[in-house]
Amino acid sequence: LAAAHTLQLLGEEASRSAANLHDGFGDQ
């Protein structure tokens, strides 16, 4: 349960971090 919550937070953080990246790293 705690891992699922943390995975969700990390997924959202990854998406936010990629928002302004328009290259191969941003895609990944």
mmCIF file of all heavy atoms, coordinates in Angstrom:
data_MODEL
# 
_entry.id   MODEL 
# 
loop_
_atom_site.group_PDB 
_atom_site.id 
_atom_site.type_symbol 
_atom_site.label_atom_id 
_atom_site.label_alt_id 
_atom_site.label_comp_id 
_atom_site.label_asym_id 
_atom_site.label_entity_id 
_atom_site.label_seq_id 
_atom_site.pdbx_PDB_ins_code 
_atom_site.Cartn_x 
_atom_site.Cartn_y 
_atom_site.Cartn_z 
_atom_site.occupancy 
_atom_site.B_iso_or_equiv 
_atom_site.pdbx_formal_charge 
_atom_site.auth_seq_id 
_atom_site.auth_comp_id 
_atom_site.auth_asym_id 
_atom_site.auth_atom_id 
_atom_site.pdbx_PDB_model_num 
ATOM 1   N N   . LEU A 1 1  ? 0.827  -1.201 0.000   1.00 0.00 ? 1  LEU A N   1 
ATOM 2   C CA  . LEU A 1 1  ? 0.000  0.000  0.000   1.00 0.00 ? 1  LEU A CA  1 
ATOM 3   C C   . LEU A 1 1  ? 0.869  1.261  0.000   1.00 0.00 ? 1  LEU A C   1 
ATOM 4   O O   . LEU A 1 1  ? 0.643  2.181  -0.792  1.00 0.00 ? 1  LEU A O   1 
ATOM 5   C CB  . LEU A 1 1  ? -0.949 0.000  1.204   1.00 0.00 ? 1  LEU A CB  1 
ATOM 6   C CG  . LEU A 1 1  ? -1.995 1.100  1.223   1.00 0.00 ? 1  LEU A CG  1 
ATOM 7   C CD1 . LEU A 1 1  ? -2.864 1.054  -0.034  1.00 0.00 ? 1  LEU A CD1 1 
ATOM 8   C CD2 . LEU A 1 1  ? -2.868 0.977  2.461   1.00 0.00 ? 1  LEU A CD2 1 
ATOM 9   N N   . ALA A 1 2  ? 1.868  1.287  0.866   1.00 0.00 ? 2  ALA A N   1 
ATOM 10  C CA  . ALA A 1 2  ? 2.775  2.447  0.907   1.00 0.00 ? 2  ALA A CA  1 
ATOM 11  C C   . ALA A 1 2  ? 3.586  2.541  -0.384  1.00 0.00 ? 2  ALA A C   1 
ATOM 12  O O   . ALA A 1 2  ? 3.793  3.643  -0.916  1.00 0.00 ? 2  ALA A O   1 
ATOM 13  C CB  . ALA A 1 2  ? 3.702  2.354  2.118   1.00 0.00 ? 2  ALA A CB  1 
ATOM 14  N N   . ALA A 1 3  ? 4.030  1.405  -0.914  1.00 0.00 ? 3  ALA A N   1 
ATOM 15  C CA  . ALA A 1 3  ? 4.804  1.401  -2.158  1.00 0.00 ? 3  ALA A CA  1 
ATOM 16  C C   . ALA A 1 3  ? 3.957  1.920  -3.317  1.00 0.00 ? 3  ALA A C   1 
ATOM 17  O O   . ALA A 1 3  ? 4.451  2.685  -4.156  1.00 0.00 ? 3  ALA A O   1 
ATOM 18  C CB  . ALA A 1 3  ? 5.339  0.004  -2.458  1.00 0.00 ? 3  ALA A CB  1 
ATOM 19  N N   . ALA A 1 4  ? 2.690  1.532  -3.367  1.00 0.00 ? 4  ALA A N   1 
ATOM 20  C CA  . ALA A 1 4  ? 1.797  2.011  -4.428  1.00 0.00 ? 4  ALA A CA  1 
ATOM 21  C C   . ALA A 1 4  ? 1.657  3.527  -4.358  1.00 0.00 ? 4  ALA A C   1 
ATOM 22  O O   . ALA A 1 4  ? 1.697  4.216  -5.380  1.00 0.00 ? 4  ALA A O   1 
ATOM 23  C CB  . ALA A 1 4  ? 0.429  1.335  -4.317  1.00 0.00 ? 4  ALA A CB  1 
ATOM 24  N N   . HIS A 1 5  ? 1.513  4.062  -3.160  1.00 0.00 ? 5  HIS A N   1 
ATOM 25  C CA  . HIS A 1 5  ? 1.411  5.517  -2.979  1.00 0.00 ? 5  HIS A CA  1 
ATOM 26  C C   . HIS A 1 5  ? 2.684  6.213  -3.447  1.00 0.00 ? 5  HIS A C   1 
ATOM 27  O O   . HIS A 1 5  ? 2.631  7.218  -4.163  1.00 0.00 ? 5  HIS A O   1 
ATOM 28  C CB  . HIS A 1 5  ? 1.112  5.837  -1.512  1.00 0.00 ? 5  HIS A CB  1 
ATOM 29  C CG  . HIS A 1 5  ? 1.047  7.298  -1.222  1.00 0.00 ? 5  HIS A CG  1 
ATOM 30  N ND1 . HIS A 1 5  ? 0.002  8.090  -1.636  1.00 0.00 ? 5  HIS A ND1 1 
ATOM 31  C CD2 . HIS A 1 5  ? 1.915  8.122  -0.587  1.00 0.00 ? 5  HIS A CD2 1 
ATOM 32  C CE1 . HIS A 1 5  ? 0.228  9.336  -1.263  1.00 0.00 ? 5  HIS A CE1 1 
ATOM 33  N NE2 . HIS A 1 5  ? 1.381  9.375  -0.622  1.00 0.00 ? 5  HIS A NE2 1 
ATOM 34  N N   . THR A 1 6  ? 3.829  5.676  -3.077  1.00 0.00 ? 6  THR A N   1 
ATOM 35  C CA  . THR A 1 6  ? 5.106  6.278  -3.454  1.00 0.00 ? 6  THR A CA  1 
ATOM 36  C C   . THR A 1 6  ? 5.328  6.164  -4.959  1.00 0.00 ? 6  THR A C   1 
ATOM 37  O O   . THR A 1 6  ? 5.811  7.107  -5.593  1.00 0.00 ? 6  THR A O   1 
ATOM 38  C CB  . THR A 1 6  ? 6.265  5.637  -2.671  1.00 0.00 ? 6  THR A CB  1 
ATOM 39  O OG1 . THR A 1 6  ? 6.005  5.771  -1.272  1.00 0.00 ? 6  THR A OG1 1 
ATOM 40  C CG2 . THR A 1 6  ? 7.590  6.308  -2.993  1.00 0.00 ? 6  THR A CG2 1 
ATOM 41  N N   . LEU A 1 7  ? 4.952  5.037  -5.568  1.00 0.00 ? 7  LEU A N   1 
ATOM 42  C CA  . LEU A 1 7  ? 5.049  4.893  -7.019  1.00 0.00 ? 7  LEU A CA  1 
ATOM 43  C C   . LEU A 1 7  ? 4.206  5.952  -7.728  1.00 0.00 ? 7  LEU A C   1 
ATOM 44  O O   . LEU A 1 7  ? 4.636  6.538  -8.724  1.00 0.00 ? 7  LEU A O   1 
ATOM 45  C CB  . LEU A 1 7  ? 4.595  3.495  -7.457  1.00 0.00 ? 7  LEU A CB  1 
ATOM 46  C CG  . LEU A 1 7  ? 5.572  2.356  -7.209  1.00 0.00 ? 7  LEU A CG  1 
ATOM 47  C CD1 . LEU A 1 7  ? 4.866  1.013  -7.348  1.00 0.00 ? 7  LEU A CD1 1 
ATOM 48  C CD2 . LEU A 1 7  ? 6.761  2.453  -8.157  1.00 0.00 ? 7  LEU A CD2 1 
ATOM 49  N N   . GLN A 1 8  ? 3.017  6.196  -7.207  1.00 0.00 ? 8  GLN A N   1 
ATOM 50  C CA  . GLN A 1 8  ? 2.138  7.220  -7.788  1.00 0.00 ? 8  GLN A CA  1 
ATOM 51  C C   . GLN A 1 8  ? 2.812  8.596  -7.708  1.00 0.00 ? 8  GLN A C   1 
ATOM 52  O O   . GLN A 1 8  ? 2.842  9.335  -8.696  1.00 0.00 ? 8  GLN A O   1 
ATOM 53  C CB  . GLN A 1 8  ? 0.790  7.243  -7.050  1.00 0.00 ? 8  GLN A CB  1 
ATOM 54  C CG  . GLN A 1 8  ? -0.185 8.267  -7.571  1.00 0.00 ? 8  GLN A CG  1 
ATOM 55  C CD  . GLN A 1 8  ? -0.802 7.885  -8.895  1.00 0.00 ? 8  GLN A CD  1 
ATOM 56  O OE1 . GLN A 1 8  ? -1.062 6.716  -9.160  1.00 0.00 ? 8  GLN A OE1 1 
ATOM 57  N NE2 . GLN A 1 8  ? -1.043 8.871  -9.754  1.00 0.00 ? 8  GLN A NE2 1 
ATOM 58  N N   . LEU A 1 9  ? 3.355  8.928  -6.541  1.00 0.00 ? 9  LEU A N   1 
ATOM 59  C CA  . LEU A 1 9  ? 4.035  10.219 -6.374  1.00 0.00 ? 9  LEU A CA  1 
ATOM 60  C C   . LEU A 1 9  ? 5.219  10.345 -7.327  1.00 0.00 ? 9  LEU A C   1 
ATOM 61  O O   . LEU A 1 9  ? 5.417  11.398 -7.956  1.00 0.00 ? 9  LEU A O   1 
ATOM 62  C CB  . LEU A 1 9  ? 4.521  10.386 -4.934  1.00 0.00 ? 9  LEU A CB  1 
ATOM 63  C CG  . LEU A 1 9  ? 3.463  10.546 -3.855  1.00 0.00 ? 9  LEU A CG  1 
ATOM 64  C CD1 . LEU A 1 9  ? 4.121  10.585 -2.479  1.00 0.00 ? 9  LEU A CD1 1 
ATOM 65  C CD2 . LEU A 1 9  ? 2.643  11.801 -4.094  1.00 0.00 ? 9  LEU A CD2 1 
ATOM 66  N N   . LEU A 1 10 ? 6.000  9.289  -7.439  1.00 0.00 ? 10 LEU A N   1 
ATOM 67  C CA  . LEU A 1 10 ? 7.165  9.317  -8.327  1.00 0.00 ? 10 LEU A CA  1 
ATOM 68  C C   . LEU A 1 10 ? 6.740  9.422  -9.791  1.00 0.00 ? 10 LEU A C   1 
ATOM 69  O O   . LEU A 1 10 ? 7.393  10.117 -10.578 1.00 0.00 ? 10 LEU A O   1 
ATOM 70  C CB  . LEU A 1 10 ? 8.036  8.083  -8.098  1.00 0.00 ? 10 LEU A CB  1 
ATOM 71  C CG  . LEU A 1 10 ? 8.849  8.093  -6.806  1.00 0.00 ? 10 LEU A CG  1 
ATOM 72  C CD1 . LEU A 1 10 ? 9.381  6.699  -6.491  1.00 0.00 ? 10 LEU A CD1 1 
ATOM 73  C CD2 . LEU A 1 10 ? 9.984  9.105  -6.908  1.00 0.00 ? 10 LEU A CD2 1 
ATOM 74  N N   . GLY A 1 11 ? 5.667  8.755  -10.157 1.00 0.00 ? 11 GLY A N   1 
ATOM 75  C CA  . GLY A 1 11 ? 5.159  8.850  -11.526 1.00 0.00 ? 11 GLY A CA  1 
ATOM 76  C C   . GLY A 1 11 ? 4.733  10.267 -11.873 1.00 0.00 ? 11 GLY A C   1 
ATOM 77  O O   . GLY A 1 11 ? 5.038  10.784 -12.954 1.00 0.00 ? 11 GLY A O   1 
ATOM 78  N N   . GLU A 1 12 ? 4.040  10.895 -10.937 1.00 0.00 ? 12 GLU A N   1 
ATOM 79  C CA  . GLU A 1 12 ? 3.625  12.285 -11.144 1.00 0.00 ? 12 GLU A CA  1 
ATOM 80  C C   . GLU A 1 12 ? 4.841  13.203 -11.222 1.00 0.00 ? 12 GLU A C   1 
ATOM 81  O O   . GLU A 1 12 ? 4.881  14.117 -12.051 1.00 0.00 ? 12 GLU A O   1 
ATOM 82  C CB  . GLU A 1 12 ? 2.681  12.714 -10.024 1.00 0.00 ? 12 GLU A CB  1 
ATOM 83  C CG  . GLU A 1 12 ? 1.344  11.991 -10.075 1.00 0.00 ? 12 GLU A CG  1 
ATOM 84  C CD  . GLU A 1 12 ? 0.508  12.173 -8.821  1.00 0.00 ? 12 GLU A CD  1 
ATOM 85  O OE1 . GLU A 1 12 ? 0.924  12.907 -7.903  1.00 0.00 ? 12 GLU A OE1 1 
ATOM 86  O OE2 . GLU A 1 12 ? -0.582 11.571 -8.752  1.00 0.00 ? 12 GLU A OE2 1 
ATOM 87  N N   . GLU A 1 13 ? 5.830  12.959 -10.389 1.00 0.00 ? 13 GLU A N   1 
ATOM 88  C CA  . GLU A 1 13 ? 7.043  13.768 -10.391 1.00 0.00 ? 13 GLU A CA  1 
ATOM 89  C C   . GLU A 1 13 ? 7.810  13.601 -11.700 1.00 0.00 ? 13 GLU A C   1 
ATOM 90  O O   . GLU A 1 13 ? 8.317  14.575 -12.276 1.00 0.00 ? 13 GLU A O   1 
ATOM 91  C CB  . GLU A 1 13 ? 7.934  13.405 -9.206  1.00 0.00 ? 13 GLU A CB  1 
ATOM 92  C CG  . GLU A 1 13 ? 9.148  14.301 -9.076  1.00 0.00 ? 13 GLU A CG  1 
ATOM 93  C CD  . GLU A 1 13 ? 9.971  14.028 -7.828  1.00 0.00 ? 13 GLU A CD  1 
ATOM 94  O OE1 . GLU A 1 13 ? 9.522  13.276 -6.945  1.00 0.00 ? 13 GLU A OE1 1 
ATOM 95  O OE2 . GLU A 1 13 ? 11.073 14.581 -7.749  1.00 0.00 ? 13 GLU A OE2 1 
ATOM 96  N N   . ALA A 1 14 ? 7.890  12.371 -12.199 1.00 0.00 ? 14 ALA A N   1 
ATOM 97  C CA  . ALA A 1 14 ? 8.574  12.123 -13.470 1.00 0.00 ? 14 ALA A CA  1 
ATOM 98  C C   . ALA A 1 14 ? 7.873  12.874 -14.601 1.00 0.00 ? 14 ALA A C   1 
ATOM 99  O O   . ALA A 1 14 ? 8.529  13.506 -15.440 1.00 0.00 ? 14 ALA A O   1 
ATOM 100 C CB  . ALA A 1 14 ? 8.629  10.625 -13.772 1.00 0.00 ? 14 ALA A CB  1 
ATOM 101 N N   . SER A 1 15 ? 6.564  12.830 -14.611 1.00 0.00 ? 15 SER A N   1 
ATOM 102 C CA  . SER A 1 15 ? 5.802  13.524 -15.653 1.00 0.00 ? 15 SER A CA  1 
ATOM 103 C C   . SER A 1 15 ? 6.017  15.035 -15.582 1.00 0.00 ? 15 SER A C   1 
ATOM 104 O O   . SER A 1 15 ? 6.193  15.686 -16.619 1.00 0.00 ? 15 SER A O   1 
ATOM 105 C CB  . SER A 1 15 ? 4.313  13.190 -15.533 1.00 0.00 ? 15 SER A CB  1 
ATOM 106 O OG  . SER A 1 15 ? 4.120  11.817 -15.766 1.00 0.00 ? 15 SER A OG  1 
ATOM 107 N N   . ARG A 1 16 ? 5.997  15.588 -14.381 1.00 0.00 ? 16 ARG A N   1 
ATOM 108 C CA  . ARG A 1 16 ? 6.249  17.027 -14.224 1.00 0.00 ? 16 ARG A CA  1 
ATOM 109 C C   . ARG A 1 16 ? 7.663  17.384 -14.671 1.00 0.00 ? 16 ARG A C   1 
ATOM 110 O O   . ARG A 1 16 ? 7.877  18.404 -15.330 1.00 0.00 ? 16 ARG A O   1 
ATOM 111 C CB  . ARG A 1 16 ? 6.055  17.465 -12.767 1.00 0.00 ? 16 ARG A CB  1 
ATOM 112 C CG  . ARG A 1 16 ? 4.624  17.711 -12.370 1.00 0.00 ? 16 ARG A CG  1 
ATOM 113 C CD  . ARG A 1 16 ? 4.510  18.413 -11.027 1.00 0.00 ? 16 ARG A CD  1 
ATOM 114 N NE  . ARG A 1 16 ? 5.196  17.722 -9.944  1.00 0.00 ? 16 ARG A NE  1 
ATOM 115 C CZ  . ARG A 1 16 ? 4.694  16.722 -9.234  1.00 0.00 ? 16 ARG A CZ  1 
ATOM 116 N NH1 . ARG A 1 16 ? 3.481  16.277 -9.494  1.00 0.00 ? 16 ARG A NH1 1 
ATOM 117 N NH2 . ARG A 1 16 ? 5.384  16.165 -8.271  1.00 0.00 ? 16 ARG A NH2 1 
ATOM 118 N N   . SER A 1 17 ? 8.619  16.553 -14.316 1.00 0.00 ? 17 SER A N   1 
ATOM 119 C CA  . SER A 1 17 ? 10.016 16.819 -14.671 1.00 0.00 ? 17 SER A CA  1 
ATOM 120 C C   . SER A 1 17 ? 10.222 16.789 -16.186 1.00 0.00 ? 17 SER A C   1 
ATOM 121 O O   . SER A 1 17 ? 11.099 17.484 -16.704 1.00 0.00 ? 17 SER A O   1 
ATOM 122 C CB  . SER A 1 17 ? 10.943 15.788 -14.023 1.00 0.00 ? 17 SER A CB  1 
ATOM 123 O OG  . SER A 1 17 ? 10.901 15.902 -12.621 1.00 0.00 ? 17 SER A OG  1 
ATOM 124 N N   . ALA A 1 18 ? 9.436  15.988 -16.871 1.00 0.00 ? 18 ALA A N   1 
ATOM 125 C CA  . ALA A 1 18 ? 9.589  15.838 -18.323 1.00 0.00 ? 18 ALA A CA  1 
ATOM 126 C C   . ALA A 1 18 ? 8.844  16.907 -19.113 1.00 0.00 ? 18 ALA A C   1 
ATOM 127 O O   . ALA A 1 18 ? 9.060  17.038 -20.322 1.00 0.00 ? 18 ALA A O   1 
ATOM 128 C CB  . ALA A 1 18 ? 9.099  14.454 -18.752 1.00 0.00 ? 18 ALA A CB  1 
ATOM 129 N N   . ALA A 1 19 ? 8.009  17.680 -18.451 1.00 0.00 ? 19 ALA A N   1 
ATOM 130 C CA  . ALA A 1 19 ? 7.120  18.614 -19.146 1.00 0.00 ? 19 ALA A CA  1 
ATOM 131 C C   . ALA A 1 19 ? 7.855  19.556 -20.099 1.00 0.00 ? 19 ALA A C   1 
ATOM 132 O O   . ALA A 1 19 ? 7.364  19.853 -21.182 1.00 0.00 ? 19 ALA A O   1 
ATOM 133 C CB  . ALA A 1 19 ? 6.301  19.405 -18.141 1.00 0.00 ? 19 ALA A CB  1 
ATOM 134 N N   . ASN A 1 20 ? 9.008  20.041 -19.723 1.00 0.00 ? 20 ASN A N   1 
ATOM 135 C CA  . ASN A 1 20 ? 9.732  21.005 -20.554 1.00 0.00 ? 20 ASN A CA  1 
ATOM 136 C C   . ASN A 1 20 ? 10.927 20.398 -21.273 1.00 0.00 ? 20 ASN A C   1 
ATOM 137 O O   . ASN A 1 20 ? 11.755 21.141 -21.807 1.00 0.00 ? 20 ASN A O   1 
ATOM 138 C CB  . ASN A 1 20 ? 10.185 22.194 -19.706 1.00 0.00 ? 20 ASN A CB  1 
ATOM 139 C CG  . ASN A 1 20 ? 9.003  22.986 -19.181 1.00 0.00 ? 20 ASN A CG  1 
ATOM 140 O OD1 . ASN A 1 20 ? 8.047  23.222 -19.905 1.00 0.00 ? 20 ASN A OD1 1 
ATOM 141 N ND2 . ASN A 1 20 ? 9.049  23.357 -17.917 1.00 0.00 ? 20 ASN A ND2 1 
ATOM 142 N N   . LEU A 1 21 ? 11.023 19.085 -21.281 1.00 0.00 ? 21 LEU A N   1 
ATOM 143 C CA  . LEU A 1 21 ? 12.124 18.411 -21.968 1.00 0.00 ? 21 LEU A CA  1 
ATOM 144 C C   . LEU A 1 21 ? 11.614 17.867 -23.298 1.00 0.00 ? 21 LEU A C   1 
ATOM 145 O O   . LEU A 1 21 ? 10.675 17.072 -23.326 1.00 0.00 ? 21 LEU A O   1 
ATOM 146 C CB  . LEU A 1 21 ? 12.675 17.266 -21.112 1.00 0.00 ? 21 LEU A CB  1 
ATOM 147 C CG  . LEU A 1 21 ? 13.257 17.661 -19.758 1.00 0.00 ? 21 LEU A CG  1 
ATOM 148 C CD1 . LEU A 1 21 ? 13.667 16.417 -18.984 1.00 0.00 ? 21 LEU A CD1 1 
ATOM 149 C CD2 . LEU A 1 21 ? 14.450 18.595 -19.939 1.00 0.00 ? 21 LEU A CD2 1 
ATOM 150 N N   . HIS A 1 22 ? 12.214 18.312 -24.385 1.00 0.00 ? 22 HIS A N   1 
ATOM 151 C CA  . HIS A 1 22 ? 11.753 17.916 -25.708 1.00 0.00 ? 22 HIS A CA  1 
ATOM 152 C C   . HIS A 1 22 ? 12.879 17.204 -26.447 1.00 0.00 ? 22 HIS A C   1 
ATOM 153 O O   . HIS A 1 22 ? 13.294 17.598 -27.527 1.00 0.00 ? 22 HIS A O   1 
ATOM 154 C CB  . HIS A 1 22 ? 11.269 19.142 -26.477 1.00 0.00 ? 22 HIS A CB  1 
ATOM 155 C CG  . HIS A 1 22 ? 10.225 19.909 -25.737 1.00 0.00 ? 22 HIS A CG  1 
ATOM 156 N ND1 . HIS A 1 22 ? 8.938  19.438 -25.559 1.00 0.00 ? 22 HIS A ND1 1 
ATOM 157 C CD2 . HIS A 1 22 ? 10.274 21.089 -25.081 1.00 0.00 ? 22 HIS A CD2 1 
ATOM 158 C CE1 . HIS A 1 22 ? 8.238  20.299 -24.851 1.00 0.00 ? 22 HIS A CE1 1 
ATOM 159 N NE2 . HIS A 1 22 ? 9.029  21.317 -24.542 1.00 0.00 ? 22 HIS A NE2 1 
ATOM 160 N N   . ASP A 1 23 ? 13.351 16.139 -25.808 1.00 0.00 ? 23 ASP A N   1 
ATOM 161 C CA  . ASP A 1 23 ? 14.442 15.352 -26.389 1.00 0.00 ? 23 ASP A CA  1 
ATOM 162 C C   . ASP A 1 23 ? 14.226 13.895 -26.015 1.00 0.00 ? 23 ASP A C   1 
ATOM 163 O O   . ASP A 1 23 ? 13.204 13.545 -25.429 1.00 0.00 ? 23 ASP A O   1 
ATOM 164 C CB  . ASP A 1 23 ? 15.800 15.862 -25.892 1.00 0.00 ? 23 ASP A CB  1 
ATOM 165 C CG  . ASP A 1 23 ? 15.934 15.838 -24.370 1.00 0.00 ? 23 ASP A CG  1 
ATOM 166 O OD1 . ASP A 1 23 ? 15.052 15.274 -23.674 1.00 0.00 ? 23 ASP A OD1 1 
ATOM 167 O OD2 . ASP A 1 23 ? 16.922 16.384 -23.853 1.00 0.00 ? 23 ASP A OD2 1 
ATOM 168 N N   . GLY A 1 24 ? 15.175 13.049 -26.351 1.00 0.00 ? 24 GLY A N   1 
ATOM 169 C CA  . GLY A 1 24 ? 15.048 11.627 -26.048 1.00 0.00 ? 24 GLY A CA  1 
ATOM 170 C C   . GLY A 1 24 ? 14.911 11.347 -24.569 1.00 0.00 ? 24 GLY A C   1 
ATOM 171 O O   . GLY A 1 24 ? 14.149 10.463 -24.162 1.00 0.00 ? 24 GLY A O   1 
ATOM 172 N N   . PHE A 1 25 ? 15.634 12.103 -23.745 1.00 0.00 ? 25 PHE A N   1 
ATOM 173 C CA  . PHE A 1 25 ? 15.533 11.896 -22.305 1.00 0.00 ? 25 PHE A CA  1 
ATOM 174 C C   . PHE A 1 25 ? 14.143 12.276 -21.805 1.00 0.00 ? 25 PHE A C   1 
ATOM 175 O O   . PHE A 1 25 ? 13.555 11.568 -20.990 1.00 0.00 ? 25 PHE A O   1 
ATOM 176 C CB  . PHE A 1 25 ? 16.614 12.678 -21.556 1.00 0.00 ? 25 PHE A CB  1 
ATOM 177 C CG  . PHE A 1 25 ? 16.599 12.411 -20.074 1.00 0.00 ? 25 PHE A CG  1 
ATOM 178 C CD1 . PHE A 1 25 ? 17.066 11.206 -19.577 1.00 0.00 ? 25 PHE A CD1 1 
ATOM 179 C CD2 . PHE A 1 25 ? 16.084 13.346 -19.192 1.00 0.00 ? 25 PHE A CD2 1 
ATOM 180 C CE1 . PHE A 1 25 ? 17.033 10.939 -18.218 1.00 0.00 ? 25 PHE A CE1 1 
ATOM 181 C CE2 . PHE A 1 25 ? 16.049 13.089 -17.835 1.00 0.00 ? 25 PHE A CE2 1 
ATOM 182 C CZ  . PHE A 1 25 ? 16.527 11.882 -17.344 1.00 0.00 ? 25 PHE A CZ  1 
ATOM 183 N N   . GLY A 1 26 ? 13.598 13.381 -22.309 1.00 0.00 ? 26 GLY A N   1 
ATOM 184 C CA  . GLY A 1 26 ? 12.246 13.790 -21.918 1.00 0.00 ? 26 GLY A CA  1 
ATOM 185 C C   . GLY A 1 26 ? 11.216 12.733 -22.288 1.00 0.00 ? 26 GLY A C   1 
ATOM 186 O O   . GLY A 1 26 ? 10.306 12.435 -21.510 1.00 0.00 ? 26 GLY A O   1 
ATOM 187 N N   . ASP A 1 27 ? 11.371 12.158 -23.481 1.00 0.00 ? 27 ASP A N   1 
ATOM 188 C CA  . ASP A 1 27 ? 10.462 11.091 -23.909 1.00 0.00 ? 27 ASP A CA  1 
ATOM 189 C C   . ASP A 1 27 ? 10.526 9.906  -22.957 1.00 0.00 ? 27 ASP A C   1 
ATOM 190 O O   . ASP A 1 27 ? 9.500  9.340  -22.572 1.00 0.00 ? 27 ASP A O   1 
ATOM 191 C CB  . ASP A 1 27 ? 10.805 10.615 -25.323 1.00 0.00 ? 27 ASP A CB  1 
ATOM 192 C CG  . ASP A 1 27 ? 10.542 11.672 -26.383 1.00 0.00 ? 27 ASP A CG  1 
ATOM 193 O OD1 . ASP A 1 27 ? 9.792  12.628 -26.114 1.00 0.00 ? 27 ASP A OD1 1 
ATOM 194 O OD2 . ASP A 1 27 ? 11.115 11.531 -27.483 1.00 0.00 ? 27 ASP A OD2 1 
ATOM 195 N N   . GLN A 1 28 ? 11.738 9.517  -22.587 1.00 0.00 ? 28 GLN A N   1 
ATOM 196 C CA  . GLN A 1 28 ? 11.899 8.371  -21.686 1.00 0.00 ? 28 GLN A CA  1 
ATOM 197 C C   . GLN A 1 28 ? 11.396 8.688  -20.282 1.00 0.00 ? 28 GLN A C   1 
ATOM 198 O O   . GLN A 1 28 ? 10.847 7.831  -19.591 1.00 0.00 ? 28 GLN A O   1 
ATOM 199 C CB  . GLN A 1 28 ? 13.353 7.910  -21.661 1.00 0.00 ? 28 GLN A CB  1 
ATOM 200 C CG  . GLN A 1 28 ? 13.796 7.261  -22.960 1.00 0.00 ? 28 GLN A CG  1 
ATOM 201 C CD  . GLN A 1 28 ? 12.890 6.123  -23.383 1.00 0.00 ? 28 GLN A CD  1 
ATOM 202 O OE1 . GLN A 1 28 ? 12.491 5.286  -22.581 1.00 0.00 ? 28 GLN A OE1 1 
ATOM 203 N NE2 . GLN A 1 28 ? 12.548 6.086  -24.667 1.00 0.00 ? 28 GLN A NE2 1 
# 
